[in-house]
């Protein structure tokens, strides 16, 4: 019976992650469908492109909350720590492949489930497992973003940072080693969701934001070449 209950918690975490926050915020603010903008994803980066900084910021914060709440809810409902680790992974899966965002072809046949890339939700999961991780992962993620300036690289980096942070703490006996598997699982989910972006990275075509050091250097180089 406990196994059935634990599976129910994981499914609930998936449904929580499936809530398309970015879609709702952009729709309320502009009337647009964020899926028709740029990457078509529902995360904070694309919400910012569709409706401005604050729409993106609020989307990112709420997506972080989805991952954290998945852990807190699981911890409240069951003592099984494995469920505490799997629940935020289910929330990431729901965010990336939302049951509420079916994509159908012209014949109405289900092709896939839409969503985001899972970066913010993965940060939330890490916070849920160890609240102090926000003081490490978030600043490092911002450093990557404002230096390299590539959203997909930043997204993959945050899960990598979670792996390192949790591994260090586990080696010191401060948290279970199973928590490291959360970081590994999150990284796999993020990399899988970002396959098109990874292809662009290798081709040298991935978007670089202008507010980053990399973007500034590129703009300066282009100005010199054109000037």
N, C-alpha and C. Protein backbone atom coordinates (compact mmCIF):
# COMPACT_ATOMS: atom_id res chain seq x y z
N UNK A 1 0.83 -1.21 0.00
CA UNK A 1 0.00 0.00 0.00
C UNK A 1 0.86 1.26 0.00
N UNK A 2 1.97 1.23 0.76
CA UNK A 2 2.86 2.38 0.81
C UNK A 2 3.46 2.68 -0.56
N UNK A 3 3.77 1.61 -1.32
CA UNK A 3 4.34 1.79 -2.66
C UNK A 3 3.36 2.54 -3.56
N UNK A 4 2.10 2.15 -3.49
CA UNK A 4 1.06 2.82 -4.29
C UNK A 4 0.96 4.29 -3.88
N UNK A 5 1.02 4.55 -2.59
CA UNK A 5 0.95 5.92 -2.08
C UNK A 5 2.14 6.74 -2.57
N UNK A 6 3.34 6.14 -2.55
CA UNK A 6 4.54 6.83 -3.00
C UNK A 6 4.49 7.13 -4.50
N UNK A 7 3.96 6.18 -5.25
CA UNK A 7 3.80 6.41 -6.70
C UNK A 7 2.82 7.57 -6.94
N UNK A 8 1.78 7.63 -6.12
CA UNK A 8 0.81 8.72 -6.22
C UNK A 8 1.47 10.07 -5.96
N UNK A 9 2.39 10.12 -5.00
CA UNK A 9 3.12 11.36 -4.70
C UNK A 9 3.94 11.79 -5.91
N UNK A 10 4.60 10.83 -6.54
CA UNK A 10 5.43 11.13 -7.71
C UNK A 10 4.57 11.64 -8.87
N UNK A 11 3.40 11.03 -9.06
CA UNK A 11 2.48 11.50 -10.11
C UNK A 11 1.98 12.91 -9.80
N UNK A 12 1.74 13.18 -8.52
CA UNK A 12 1.30 14.52 -8.11
C UNK A 12 2.40 15.55 -8.39
N UNK A 13 3.65 15.15 -8.15
CA UNK A 13 4.78 16.04 -8.45
C UNK A 13 4.87 16.31 -9.95
N UNK A 14 4.61 15.28 -10.75
CA UNK A 14 4.60 15.47 -12.22
C UNK A 14 3.53 16.49 -12.62
N UNK A 15 2.34 16.35 -12.05
CA UNK A 15 1.24 17.28 -12.37
C UNK A 15 1.58 18.70 -11.93
N UNK A 16 2.22 18.82 -10.77
CA UNK A 16 2.65 20.14 -10.29
C UNK A 16 3.64 20.76 -11.28
N UNK A 17 4.60 19.97 -11.73
CA UNK A 17 5.58 20.46 -12.69
C UNK A 17 4.96 20.80 -14.03
N UNK A 18 3.84 20.14 -14.34
CA UNK A 18 3.19 20.33 -15.65
C UNK A 18 2.45 21.66 -15.77
N UNK A 19 2.22 22.34 -14.65
CA UNK A 19 1.50 23.62 -14.72
C UNK A 19 2.31 24.60 -15.57
N UNK A 20 1.79 25.04 -16.72
CA UNK A 20 2.55 25.88 -17.65
C UNK A 20 2.55 27.35 -17.23
N UNK A 21 3.33 27.65 -16.19
CA UNK A 21 3.36 28.99 -15.62
C UNK A 21 3.67 30.06 -16.67
N UNK A 22 4.70 29.83 -17.47
CA UNK A 22 5.10 30.81 -18.48
C UNK A 22 3.99 31.09 -19.48
N UNK A 23 3.30 30.05 -19.90
CA UNK A 23 2.19 30.21 -20.84
C UNK A 23 1.11 31.09 -20.23
N UNK A 24 0.77 30.84 -18.97
CA UNK A 24 -0.29 31.59 -18.31
C UNK A 24 0.10 33.05 -18.10
N UNK A 25 1.33 33.30 -17.67
CA UNK A 25 1.77 34.68 -17.40
C UNK A 25 1.84 35.49 -18.70
N UNK A 26 2.41 34.92 -19.73
CA UNK A 26 2.50 35.63 -21.01
C UNK A 26 1.11 35.88 -21.59
N UNK A 27 0.23 34.90 -21.46
CA UNK A 27 -1.13 35.06 -21.98
C UNK A 27 -1.86 36.18 -21.23
N UNK A 28 -1.70 36.22 -19.91
CA UNK A 28 -2.36 37.26 -19.11
C UNK A 28 -1.81 38.65 -19.41
N UNK A 29 -0.50 38.74 -19.64
CA UNK A 29 0.12 40.04 -19.83
C UNK A 29 -0.03 40.57 -21.25
N UNK A 30 0.08 39.71 -22.24
CA UNK A 30 0.11 40.18 -23.63
C UNK A 30 -0.97 39.58 -24.52
N UNK A 31 -1.57 38.48 -24.07
CA UNK A 31 -2.53 37.80 -24.93
C UNK A 31 -1.87 36.86 -25.91
N UNK A 32 -0.52 36.84 -25.93
CA UNK A 32 0.21 35.97 -26.85
C UNK A 32 0.29 34.55 -26.31
N UNK A 33 0.57 33.63 -27.22
CA UNK A 33 0.89 32.25 -26.84
C UNK A 33 2.40 32.12 -26.88
N UNK A 34 3.03 31.90 -25.73
CA UNK A 34 4.49 31.86 -25.66
C UNK A 34 5.06 30.76 -26.56
N UNK A 35 4.25 29.77 -26.89
CA UNK A 35 4.71 28.68 -27.75
C UNK A 35 4.93 29.12 -29.19
N UNK A 36 4.41 30.32 -29.52
CA UNK A 36 4.60 30.87 -30.87
C UNK A 36 5.81 31.80 -30.94
N UNK A 37 6.55 31.92 -29.84
CA UNK A 37 7.69 32.85 -29.77
C UNK A 37 8.99 32.06 -29.71
N UNK A 38 9.94 32.44 -30.55
CA UNK A 38 11.31 31.90 -30.54
C UNK A 38 11.36 30.38 -30.39
N UNK A 39 11.89 29.91 -29.24
CA UNK A 39 12.08 28.46 -29.04
C UNK A 39 10.77 27.71 -28.87
N UNK A 40 9.69 28.44 -28.52
CA UNK A 40 8.40 27.79 -28.30
C UNK A 40 8.27 27.17 -26.92
N UNK A 41 9.30 27.31 -26.08
CA UNK A 41 9.25 26.74 -24.74
C UNK A 41 8.50 27.67 -23.80
N UNK A 42 8.13 27.12 -22.64
CA UNK A 42 7.30 27.87 -21.69
C UNK A 42 8.09 28.37 -20.49
N UNK A 43 9.41 28.25 -20.49
CA UNK A 43 10.23 28.67 -19.35
C UNK A 43 10.46 30.17 -19.30
N UNK A 44 11.25 30.58 -18.29
CA UNK A 44 11.48 31.99 -18.03
C UNK A 44 12.15 32.73 -19.17
N UNK A 45 13.13 32.10 -19.81
CA UNK A 45 13.86 32.77 -20.89
C UNK A 45 12.93 33.15 -22.03
N UNK A 46 12.09 32.20 -22.45
CA UNK A 46 11.20 32.48 -23.56
C UNK A 46 10.06 33.39 -23.15
N UNK A 47 9.62 33.29 -21.89
CA UNK A 47 8.59 34.22 -21.39
C UNK A 47 9.12 35.64 -21.40
N UNK A 48 10.42 35.81 -21.10
CA UNK A 48 11.03 37.14 -21.13
C UNK A 48 11.06 37.68 -22.56
N UNK A 49 11.37 36.81 -23.51
CA UNK A 49 11.36 37.24 -24.91
C UNK A 49 9.96 37.66 -25.34
N UNK A 50 8.96 36.95 -24.84
CA UNK A 50 7.58 37.19 -25.29
C UNK A 50 6.92 38.37 -24.59
N UNK A 51 7.27 38.59 -23.30
CA UNK A 51 6.50 39.59 -22.55
C UNK A 51 7.36 40.47 -21.65
N UNK A 52 8.67 40.43 -21.80
CA UNK A 52 9.51 41.33 -21.03
C UNK A 52 10.15 40.70 -19.81
N UNK A 53 11.03 41.49 -19.17
CA UNK A 53 11.85 40.99 -18.06
C UNK A 53 11.03 40.44 -16.92
N UNK A 54 10.03 41.19 -16.45
CA UNK A 54 9.29 40.78 -15.26
C UNK A 54 8.48 39.52 -15.50
N UNK A 55 7.95 39.37 -16.69
CA UNK A 55 7.23 38.13 -17.02
C UNK A 55 8.18 36.94 -16.95
N UNK A 56 9.39 37.12 -17.48
CA UNK A 56 10.39 36.06 -17.42
C UNK A 56 10.84 35.77 -16.00
N UNK A 57 11.03 36.84 -15.22
CA UNK A 57 11.50 36.69 -13.84
C UNK A 57 10.46 35.96 -12.99
N UNK A 58 9.21 36.38 -13.09
CA UNK A 58 8.15 35.74 -12.30
C UNK A 58 7.97 34.28 -12.72
N UNK A 59 8.06 34.03 -14.03
CA UNK A 59 7.97 32.66 -14.52
C UNK A 59 9.08 31.80 -13.94
N UNK A 60 10.30 32.32 -13.96
CA UNK A 60 11.44 31.56 -13.44
C UNK A 60 11.28 31.28 -11.95
N UNK A 61 10.83 32.28 -11.18
CA UNK A 61 10.65 32.10 -9.74
C UNK A 61 9.59 31.04 -9.44
N UNK A 62 8.49 31.08 -10.17
CA UNK A 62 7.43 30.10 -9.95
C UNK A 62 7.84 28.71 -10.43
N UNK A 63 8.64 28.65 -11.47
CA UNK A 63 9.15 27.35 -11.93
C UNK A 63 10.12 26.76 -10.90
N UNK A 64 10.92 27.62 -10.28
CA UNK A 64 11.79 27.18 -9.18
C UNK A 64 10.94 26.63 -8.05
N UNK A 65 9.86 27.35 -7.73
CA UNK A 65 8.97 26.94 -6.65
C UNK A 65 8.36 25.57 -6.92
N UNK A 66 8.06 25.27 -8.18
CA UNK A 66 7.48 23.97 -8.51
C UNK A 66 8.41 22.83 -8.09
N UNK A 67 9.70 22.97 -8.37
CA UNK A 67 10.66 21.94 -8.00
C UNK A 67 10.81 21.81 -6.50
N UNK A 68 10.87 22.95 -5.81
CA UNK A 68 11.03 22.94 -4.35
C UNK A 68 9.79 22.35 -3.67
N UNK A 69 8.61 22.77 -4.10
CA UNK A 69 7.36 22.29 -3.50
C UNK A 69 7.22 20.78 -3.71
N UNK A 70 7.69 20.28 -4.84
CA UNK A 70 7.62 18.83 -5.09
C UNK A 70 8.36 18.07 -4.00
N UNK A 71 9.54 18.57 -3.61
CA UNK A 71 10.32 17.93 -2.54
C UNK A 71 9.61 18.09 -1.20
N UNK A 72 9.18 19.30 -0.88
CA UNK A 72 8.55 19.57 0.42
C UNK A 72 7.27 18.76 0.59
N UNK A 73 6.52 18.64 -0.50
CA UNK A 73 5.28 17.87 -0.46
C UNK A 73 5.59 16.39 -0.20
N UNK A 74 6.59 15.87 -0.91
CA UNK A 74 6.98 14.47 -0.73
C UNK A 74 7.49 14.22 0.68
N UNK A 75 8.28 15.15 1.21
CA UNK A 75 8.83 15.00 2.57
C UNK A 75 7.71 15.03 3.61
N UNK A 76 6.68 15.78 3.33
CA UNK A 76 5.54 15.88 4.26
C UNK A 76 4.68 14.63 4.23
N UNK A 77 4.58 14.01 3.04
CA UNK A 77 3.65 12.90 2.86
C UNK A 77 4.25 11.52 3.09
N UNK A 78 5.58 11.39 2.96
CA UNK A 78 6.19 10.07 3.11
C UNK A 78 7.60 10.18 3.70
N UNK A 79 8.01 9.19 4.50
CA UNK A 79 9.38 9.19 5.04
C UNK A 79 10.39 8.60 4.07
N UNK A 80 9.92 8.08 2.95
CA UNK A 80 10.79 7.43 1.96
C UNK A 80 11.64 8.48 1.23
N UNK A 81 12.93 8.53 1.54
CA UNK A 81 13.78 9.58 0.97
C UNK A 81 13.96 9.42 -0.54
N UNK A 82 13.86 8.20 -1.03
CA UNK A 82 13.94 8.00 -2.48
C UNK A 82 12.83 8.80 -3.19
N UNK A 83 11.65 8.82 -2.57
CA UNK A 83 10.53 9.59 -3.15
C UNK A 83 10.84 11.08 -3.11
N UNK A 84 11.53 11.52 -2.06
CA UNK A 84 11.92 12.94 -1.95
C UNK A 84 12.84 13.33 -3.11
N UNK A 85 13.65 12.37 -3.59
CA UNK A 85 14.59 12.63 -4.68
C UNK A 85 13.91 12.51 -6.05
N UNK A 86 13.03 11.52 -6.16
CA UNK A 86 12.36 11.28 -7.46
C UNK A 86 11.29 12.34 -7.73
N UNK A 87 10.64 12.84 -6.69
CA UNK A 87 9.54 13.81 -6.88
C UNK A 87 9.98 15.05 -7.66
N UNK A 88 11.11 15.71 -7.32
CA UNK A 88 11.51 16.87 -8.12
C UNK A 88 11.91 16.49 -9.55
N UNK A 89 12.42 15.27 -9.74
CA UNK A 89 12.71 14.82 -11.11
C UNK A 89 11.41 14.69 -11.90
N UNK A 90 10.36 14.20 -11.22
CA UNK A 90 9.04 14.11 -11.86
C UNK A 90 8.51 15.50 -12.19
N UNK A 91 8.80 16.48 -11.31
CA UNK A 91 8.37 17.86 -11.58
C UNK A 91 9.08 18.43 -12.80
N UNK A 92 10.39 18.13 -12.93
CA UNK A 92 11.14 18.57 -14.12
C UNK A 92 10.55 17.93 -15.37
N UNK A 93 10.26 16.63 -15.27
CA UNK A 93 9.67 15.90 -16.40
C UNK A 93 8.33 16.53 -16.79
N UNK A 94 7.53 16.88 -15.77
CA UNK A 94 6.25 17.52 -16.05
C UNK A 94 6.42 18.89 -16.69
N UNK A 95 7.41 19.65 -16.22
CA UNK A 95 7.67 20.97 -16.79
C UNK A 95 8.08 20.86 -18.26
N UNK A 96 8.92 19.88 -18.55
CA UNK A 96 9.43 19.71 -19.92
C UNK A 96 8.42 19.06 -20.85
N UNK A 97 7.59 18.18 -20.30
CA UNK A 97 6.60 17.44 -21.10
C UNK A 97 5.26 17.49 -20.36
N UNK A 98 4.61 18.64 -20.46
CA UNK A 98 3.40 18.91 -19.69
C UNK A 98 2.19 18.20 -20.29
N UNK A 99 1.46 17.51 -19.41
CA UNK A 99 0.22 16.85 -19.83
C UNK A 99 -0.81 17.85 -20.30
N UNK A 100 -0.63 19.12 -19.89
CA UNK A 100 -1.56 20.18 -20.26
C UNK A 100 -1.22 20.84 -21.60
N UNK A 101 -0.10 20.44 -22.20
CA UNK A 101 0.35 21.08 -23.45
C UNK A 101 0.58 20.05 -24.57
N UNK A 102 -0.47 19.35 -24.95
CA UNK A 102 -0.31 18.38 -26.04
C UNK A 102 -0.10 19.08 -27.38
N UNK A 103 0.80 18.54 -28.17
CA UNK A 103 1.05 19.06 -29.52
C UNK A 103 0.52 18.02 -30.50
N UNK A 104 -0.40 18.44 -31.34
CA UNK A 104 -1.03 17.51 -32.28
C UNK A 104 -0.73 17.90 -33.73
N UNK A 105 -0.78 16.93 -34.61
CA UNK A 105 -0.58 17.21 -36.02
C UNK A 105 -1.91 17.65 -36.65
N UNK A 106 -1.89 17.84 -37.97
CA UNK A 106 -3.09 18.36 -38.63
C UNK A 106 -4.27 17.39 -38.57
N UNK A 107 -4.00 16.12 -38.29
CA UNK A 107 -5.07 15.13 -38.17
C UNK A 107 -5.55 14.98 -36.73
N UNK A 108 -4.96 15.76 -35.83
CA UNK A 108 -5.36 15.69 -34.43
C UNK A 108 -4.66 14.62 -33.63
N UNK A 109 -3.67 13.98 -34.24
CA UNK A 109 -2.94 12.92 -33.54
C UNK A 109 -1.87 13.53 -32.64
N UNK A 110 -1.76 13.00 -31.43
CA UNK A 110 -0.77 13.50 -30.48
C UNK A 110 0.64 13.22 -30.99
N UNK A 111 1.44 14.28 -31.10
CA UNK A 111 2.82 14.15 -31.58
C UNK A 111 3.79 14.13 -30.40
N UNK A 112 3.59 15.05 -29.49
CA UNK A 112 4.46 15.15 -28.32
C UNK A 112 3.79 16.05 -27.28
N UNK A 113 4.44 16.20 -26.13
CA UNK A 113 3.98 17.11 -25.09
C UNK A 113 4.93 18.30 -25.04
N UNK A 114 4.38 19.50 -24.99
CA UNK A 114 5.21 20.70 -24.97
C UNK A 114 5.60 21.07 -23.55
N UNK A 115 6.47 22.08 -23.44
CA UNK A 115 6.91 22.54 -22.12
C UNK A 115 8.18 23.36 -22.21
N UNK A 116 8.98 23.31 -21.16
CA UNK A 116 10.22 24.08 -21.11
C UNK A 116 11.44 23.20 -21.19
N UNK A 117 12.55 23.69 -20.64
CA UNK A 117 13.79 22.92 -20.63
C UNK A 117 14.14 22.42 -19.23
N UNK A 118 13.52 22.99 -18.20
CA UNK A 118 13.65 22.45 -16.86
C UNK A 118 14.72 23.04 -15.96
N UNK A 119 15.42 24.06 -16.43
CA UNK A 119 16.51 24.63 -15.64
C UNK A 119 16.05 25.19 -14.30
N UNK A 120 15.04 26.05 -14.32
CA UNK A 120 14.57 26.66 -13.08
C UNK A 120 13.97 25.62 -12.14
N UNK A 121 13.22 24.68 -12.68
CA UNK A 121 12.61 23.65 -11.85
C UNK A 121 13.67 22.76 -11.22
N UNK A 122 14.77 22.52 -11.94
CA UNK A 122 15.86 21.71 -11.37
C UNK A 122 16.55 22.45 -10.22
N UNK A 123 16.67 23.77 -10.34
CA UNK A 123 17.20 24.57 -9.23
C UNK A 123 16.28 24.44 -8.02
N UNK A 124 14.97 24.49 -8.26
CA UNK A 124 14.00 24.35 -7.18
C UNK A 124 14.11 23.01 -6.48
N UNK A 125 14.32 21.95 -7.26
CA UNK A 125 14.48 20.63 -6.66
C UNK A 125 15.69 20.56 -5.75
N UNK A 126 16.78 21.19 -6.19
CA UNK A 126 18.00 21.24 -5.37
C UNK A 126 17.75 22.02 -4.08
N UNK A 127 17.02 23.12 -4.18
CA UNK A 127 16.69 23.92 -2.99
C UNK A 127 15.84 23.11 -2.02
N UNK A 128 14.91 22.34 -2.57
CA UNK A 128 14.06 21.51 -1.72
C UNK A 128 14.85 20.47 -0.95
N UNK A 129 15.86 19.89 -1.58
CA UNK A 129 16.68 18.87 -0.93
C UNK A 129 17.67 19.49 0.06
N UNK A 130 18.20 20.67 -0.29
CA UNK A 130 19.07 21.40 0.64
C UNK A 130 18.92 22.90 0.36
N UNK A 131 18.17 23.61 1.20
CA UNK A 131 17.90 25.04 0.97
C UNK A 131 19.16 25.88 0.74
N UNK A 132 20.26 25.52 1.39
CA UNK A 132 21.49 26.29 1.25
C UNK A 132 22.08 26.25 -0.15
N UNK A 133 21.62 25.32 -0.97
CA UNK A 133 22.17 25.20 -2.33
C UNK A 133 21.89 26.44 -3.17
N UNK A 134 20.83 27.19 -2.81
CA UNK A 134 20.51 28.40 -3.58
C UNK A 134 21.64 29.42 -3.51
N UNK A 135 22.37 29.42 -2.37
CA UNK A 135 23.46 30.39 -2.18
C UNK A 135 24.69 30.03 -3.01
N UNK A 136 24.71 28.83 -3.58
CA UNK A 136 25.84 28.39 -4.41
C UNK A 136 25.42 28.27 -5.87
N UNK A 137 24.35 27.53 -6.10
CA UNK A 137 23.94 27.23 -7.48
C UNK A 137 23.46 28.47 -8.22
N UNK A 138 22.66 29.31 -7.55
CA UNK A 138 22.11 30.49 -8.22
C UNK A 138 23.21 31.49 -8.62
N UNK A 139 24.13 31.85 -7.70
CA UNK A 139 25.21 32.77 -8.11
C UNK A 139 26.09 32.19 -9.22
N UNK A 140 26.39 30.90 -9.14
CA UNK A 140 27.20 30.27 -10.20
C UNK A 140 26.46 30.26 -11.53
N UNK A 141 25.15 29.99 -11.47
CA UNK A 141 24.35 30.02 -12.70
C UNK A 141 24.32 31.41 -13.31
N UNK A 142 24.19 32.44 -12.47
CA UNK A 142 24.20 33.82 -12.97
C UNK A 142 25.57 34.17 -13.55
N UNK A 143 26.63 33.67 -12.94
CA UNK A 143 27.98 33.91 -13.46
C UNK A 143 28.13 33.32 -14.85
N UNK A 144 27.64 32.09 -15.03
CA UNK A 144 27.70 31.44 -16.34
C UNK A 144 26.89 32.23 -17.36
N UNK A 145 25.69 32.64 -16.95
CA UNK A 145 24.80 33.34 -17.88
C UNK A 145 25.38 34.67 -18.33
N UNK A 146 25.88 35.47 -17.37
CA UNK A 146 26.36 36.81 -17.70
C UNK A 146 27.79 36.82 -18.24
N UNK A 147 28.45 35.67 -18.24
CA UNK A 147 29.77 35.59 -18.87
C UNK A 147 29.66 34.93 -20.25
N UNK A 148 29.14 33.71 -20.29
CA UNK A 148 29.01 33.00 -21.56
C UNK A 148 27.81 33.52 -22.35
N UNK A 149 26.73 33.84 -21.65
CA UNK A 149 25.58 34.46 -22.31
C UNK A 149 24.72 33.53 -23.12
N UNK A 150 24.76 32.24 -22.84
CA UNK A 150 23.96 31.27 -23.59
C UNK A 150 23.03 30.57 -22.61
N UNK A 151 21.73 30.73 -22.81
CA UNK A 151 20.73 30.22 -21.86
C UNK A 151 20.81 28.70 -21.73
N UNK A 152 21.01 28.00 -22.84
CA UNK A 152 21.04 26.53 -22.78
C UNK A 152 22.24 26.02 -21.98
N UNK A 153 23.38 26.68 -22.11
CA UNK A 153 24.56 26.29 -21.34
C UNK A 153 24.31 26.54 -19.85
N UNK A 154 23.69 27.67 -19.54
CA UNK A 154 23.36 27.98 -18.15
C UNK A 154 22.43 26.93 -17.57
N UNK A 155 21.44 26.53 -18.34
CA UNK A 155 20.47 25.53 -17.89
C UNK A 155 21.16 24.22 -17.54
N UNK A 156 22.05 23.77 -18.43
CA UNK A 156 22.76 22.51 -18.16
C UNK A 156 23.74 22.66 -17.01
N UNK A 157 24.27 23.86 -16.84
CA UNK A 157 25.28 24.09 -15.79
C UNK A 157 24.69 23.98 -14.40
N UNK A 158 23.43 24.42 -14.20
CA UNK A 158 22.87 24.44 -12.85
C UNK A 158 22.74 23.02 -12.28
N UNK A 159 22.37 22.06 -13.11
CA UNK A 159 22.28 20.68 -12.63
C UNK A 159 23.68 20.13 -12.35
N UNK A 160 24.65 20.51 -13.17
CA UNK A 160 26.03 20.09 -12.93
C UNK A 160 26.53 20.63 -11.59
N UNK A 161 26.20 21.88 -11.30
CA UNK A 161 26.60 22.47 -10.02
C UNK A 161 25.94 21.72 -8.86
N UNK A 162 24.69 21.30 -9.06
CA UNK A 162 23.99 20.54 -8.01
C UNK A 162 24.70 19.22 -7.74
N UNK A 163 25.17 18.56 -8.79
CA UNK A 163 25.90 17.31 -8.63
C UNK A 163 27.15 17.53 -7.77
N UNK A 164 27.92 18.57 -8.11
CA UNK A 164 29.16 18.86 -7.39
C UNK A 164 28.88 19.21 -5.93
N UNK A 165 27.94 20.12 -5.72
CA UNK A 165 27.62 20.57 -4.35
C UNK A 165 27.14 19.40 -3.50
N UNK A 166 26.24 18.59 -4.05
CA UNK A 166 25.68 17.47 -3.28
C UNK A 166 26.74 16.39 -3.04
N UNK A 167 27.63 16.18 -4.02
CA UNK A 167 28.69 15.19 -3.85
C UNK A 167 29.65 15.60 -2.74
N UNK A 168 29.99 16.88 -2.70
CA UNK A 168 30.87 17.38 -1.64
C UNK A 168 30.22 17.21 -0.27
N UNK A 169 28.94 17.58 -0.19
CA UNK A 169 28.24 17.45 1.10
C UNK A 169 28.08 15.99 1.51
N UNK A 170 27.79 15.13 0.54
CA UNK A 170 27.63 13.70 0.85
C UNK A 170 28.96 13.10 1.33
N UNK A 171 30.07 13.53 0.73
CA UNK A 171 31.38 13.03 1.14
C UNK A 171 31.73 13.45 2.56
N UNK A 172 31.10 14.52 3.02
CA UNK A 172 31.32 15.01 4.38
C UNK A 172 30.27 14.47 5.37
N UNK A 173 29.40 13.61 4.86
CA UNK A 173 28.37 13.02 5.70
C UNK A 173 27.24 13.95 6.04
N UNK A 174 27.07 15.04 5.25
CA UNK A 174 26.05 16.04 5.54
C UNK A 174 24.72 15.78 4.85
N UNK A 175 24.71 14.86 3.88
CA UNK A 175 23.47 14.50 3.21
C UNK A 175 23.65 13.11 2.58
N UNK A 176 22.57 12.41 2.28
CA UNK A 176 22.68 11.08 1.69
C UNK A 176 23.26 11.12 0.28
N UNK A 177 24.00 10.07 -0.07
CA UNK A 177 24.56 10.00 -1.42
C UNK A 177 23.48 9.92 -2.49
N UNK A 178 22.30 9.43 -2.11
CA UNK A 178 21.23 9.32 -3.10
C UNK A 178 20.84 10.69 -3.64
N UNK A 179 21.08 11.75 -2.86
CA UNK A 179 20.75 13.10 -3.33
C UNK A 179 21.60 13.50 -4.54
N UNK A 180 22.79 12.92 -4.64
CA UNK A 180 23.65 13.20 -5.80
C UNK A 180 22.97 12.69 -7.08
N UNK A 181 22.22 11.59 -6.93
CA UNK A 181 21.51 11.04 -8.08
C UNK A 181 20.46 12.00 -8.60
N UNK A 182 19.96 12.86 -7.70
CA UNK A 182 19.03 13.89 -8.18
C UNK A 182 19.70 14.78 -9.21
N UNK A 183 20.91 15.24 -8.88
CA UNK A 183 21.64 16.10 -9.82
C UNK A 183 21.92 15.39 -11.13
N UNK A 184 22.30 14.12 -11.05
CA UNK A 184 22.58 13.34 -12.26
C UNK A 184 21.32 13.19 -13.10
N UNK A 185 20.22 12.83 -12.44
CA UNK A 185 18.95 12.67 -13.16
C UNK A 185 18.48 13.96 -13.78
N UNK A 186 18.62 15.07 -13.03
CA UNK A 186 18.23 16.38 -13.56
C UNK A 186 19.06 16.74 -14.78
N UNK A 187 20.37 16.48 -14.71
CA UNK A 187 21.24 16.79 -15.84
C UNK A 187 20.83 16.01 -17.09
N UNK A 188 20.51 14.74 -16.92
CA UNK A 188 20.08 13.92 -18.05
C UNK A 188 18.81 14.49 -18.68
N UNK A 189 17.85 14.87 -17.84
CA UNK A 189 16.59 15.43 -18.35
C UNK A 189 16.82 16.75 -19.07
N UNK A 190 17.71 17.59 -18.54
CA UNK A 190 17.98 18.89 -19.17
C UNK A 190 18.69 18.72 -20.50
N UNK A 191 19.69 17.85 -20.52
CA UNK A 191 20.43 17.61 -21.77
C UNK A 191 19.50 17.05 -22.84
N UNK A 192 18.63 16.13 -22.45
CA UNK A 192 17.69 15.54 -23.42
C UNK A 192 16.75 16.61 -23.99
N UNK A 193 16.25 17.48 -23.12
CA UNK A 193 15.33 18.53 -23.57
C UNK A 193 16.02 19.55 -24.46
N UNK A 194 17.33 19.73 -24.27
CA UNK A 194 18.08 20.77 -24.99
C UNK A 194 18.84 20.22 -26.19
N UNK A 195 18.47 19.07 -26.68
CA UNK A 195 19.17 18.48 -27.84
C UNK A 195 19.25 19.44 -29.03
N UNK A 196 18.16 20.15 -29.39
CA UNK A 196 18.27 21.09 -30.52
C UNK A 196 19.27 22.22 -30.24
N UNK A 197 19.32 22.68 -29.01
CA UNK A 197 20.25 23.75 -28.63
C UNK A 197 21.69 23.26 -28.65
N UNK A 198 21.89 22.02 -28.22
CA UNK A 198 23.24 21.45 -28.24
C UNK A 198 23.74 21.34 -29.68
N UNK A 199 22.84 20.97 -30.57
CA UNK A 199 23.20 20.90 -31.99
C UNK A 199 23.62 22.29 -32.50
N UNK A 200 22.87 23.32 -32.10
CA UNK A 200 23.21 24.69 -32.50
C UNK A 200 24.55 25.12 -31.90
N UNK A 201 24.82 24.66 -30.68
CA UNK A 201 26.10 24.99 -30.03
C UNK A 201 27.26 24.47 -30.85
N UNK A 202 27.16 23.22 -31.28
CA UNK A 202 28.23 22.63 -32.08
C UNK A 202 28.36 23.28 -33.44
N UNK A 203 27.23 23.80 -33.95
CA UNK A 203 27.25 24.48 -35.25
C UNK A 203 27.65 25.94 -35.11
N UNK A 204 27.72 26.43 -33.88
CA UNK A 204 28.08 27.83 -33.64
C UNK A 204 26.95 28.79 -33.88
N UNK A 205 25.70 28.29 -33.83
CA UNK A 205 24.55 29.13 -34.14
C UNK A 205 23.67 29.44 -32.94
N UNK A 206 24.08 29.01 -31.74
CA UNK A 206 23.24 29.24 -30.57
C UNK A 206 23.23 30.73 -30.20
N UNK A 207 22.06 31.21 -29.78
CA UNK A 207 21.87 32.61 -29.44
C UNK A 207 22.73 33.02 -28.23
N UNK A 208 23.39 34.17 -28.35
CA UNK A 208 24.16 34.75 -27.23
C UNK A 208 23.48 36.05 -26.83
N UNK A 209 23.15 36.19 -25.54
CA UNK A 209 22.46 37.40 -25.10
C UNK A 209 23.43 38.58 -25.05
N UNK A 210 22.93 39.76 -25.38
CA UNK A 210 23.78 40.94 -25.48
C UNK A 210 24.27 41.42 -24.12
N UNK A 211 23.53 41.11 -23.04
CA UNK A 211 23.90 41.64 -21.73
C UNK A 211 25.04 40.85 -21.07
N UNK A 212 25.56 39.83 -21.77
CA UNK A 212 26.66 39.03 -21.22
C UNK A 212 28.01 39.54 -21.70
N UNK A 213 29.08 39.09 -21.05
CA UNK A 213 30.43 39.44 -21.47
C UNK A 213 30.70 38.92 -22.87
N UNK A 214 30.29 37.70 -23.13
CA UNK A 214 30.46 37.11 -24.46
C UNK A 214 29.71 37.92 -25.52
N UNK A 215 28.48 38.33 -25.19
CA UNK A 215 27.69 39.13 -26.12
C UNK A 215 28.32 40.48 -26.39
N UNK A 216 28.86 41.09 -25.32
CA UNK A 216 29.52 42.39 -25.47
C UNK A 216 30.76 42.28 -26.34
N UNK A 217 31.55 41.22 -26.13
CA UNK A 217 32.77 41.01 -26.92
C UNK A 217 32.43 40.75 -28.39
N UNK A 218 31.38 39.99 -28.62
CA UNK A 218 30.96 39.72 -30.00
C UNK A 218 30.50 41.00 -30.69
N UNK A 219 29.71 41.80 -29.98
CA UNK A 219 29.21 43.05 -30.55
C UNK A 219 30.37 44.00 -30.85
N UNK A 220 31.36 44.02 -29.96
CA UNK A 220 32.53 44.86 -30.17
C UNK A 220 33.33 44.41 -31.39
N UNK A 221 33.46 43.09 -31.53
CA UNK A 221 34.19 42.54 -32.67
C UNK A 221 33.49 42.87 -33.98
N UNK A 222 32.14 42.70 -33.98
CA UNK A 222 31.37 42.99 -35.18
C UNK A 222 31.44 44.47 -35.54
N UNK A 223 31.48 45.32 -34.53
CA UNK A 223 31.56 46.78 -34.76
C UNK A 223 32.88 47.12 -35.42
N UNK A 224 33.97 46.47 -34.95
CA UNK A 224 35.29 46.73 -35.52
C UNK A 224 35.35 46.23 -36.96
N UNK A 225 34.77 45.06 -37.21
CA UNK A 225 34.80 44.48 -38.54
C UNK A 225 33.99 45.32 -39.53
N UNK A 226 32.90 45.90 -39.05
CA UNK A 226 32.02 46.69 -39.90
C UNK A 226 32.40 48.17 -39.95
N UNK A 227 33.31 48.55 -39.01
CA UNK A 227 33.64 49.97 -38.92
C UNK A 227 34.84 50.37 -39.69
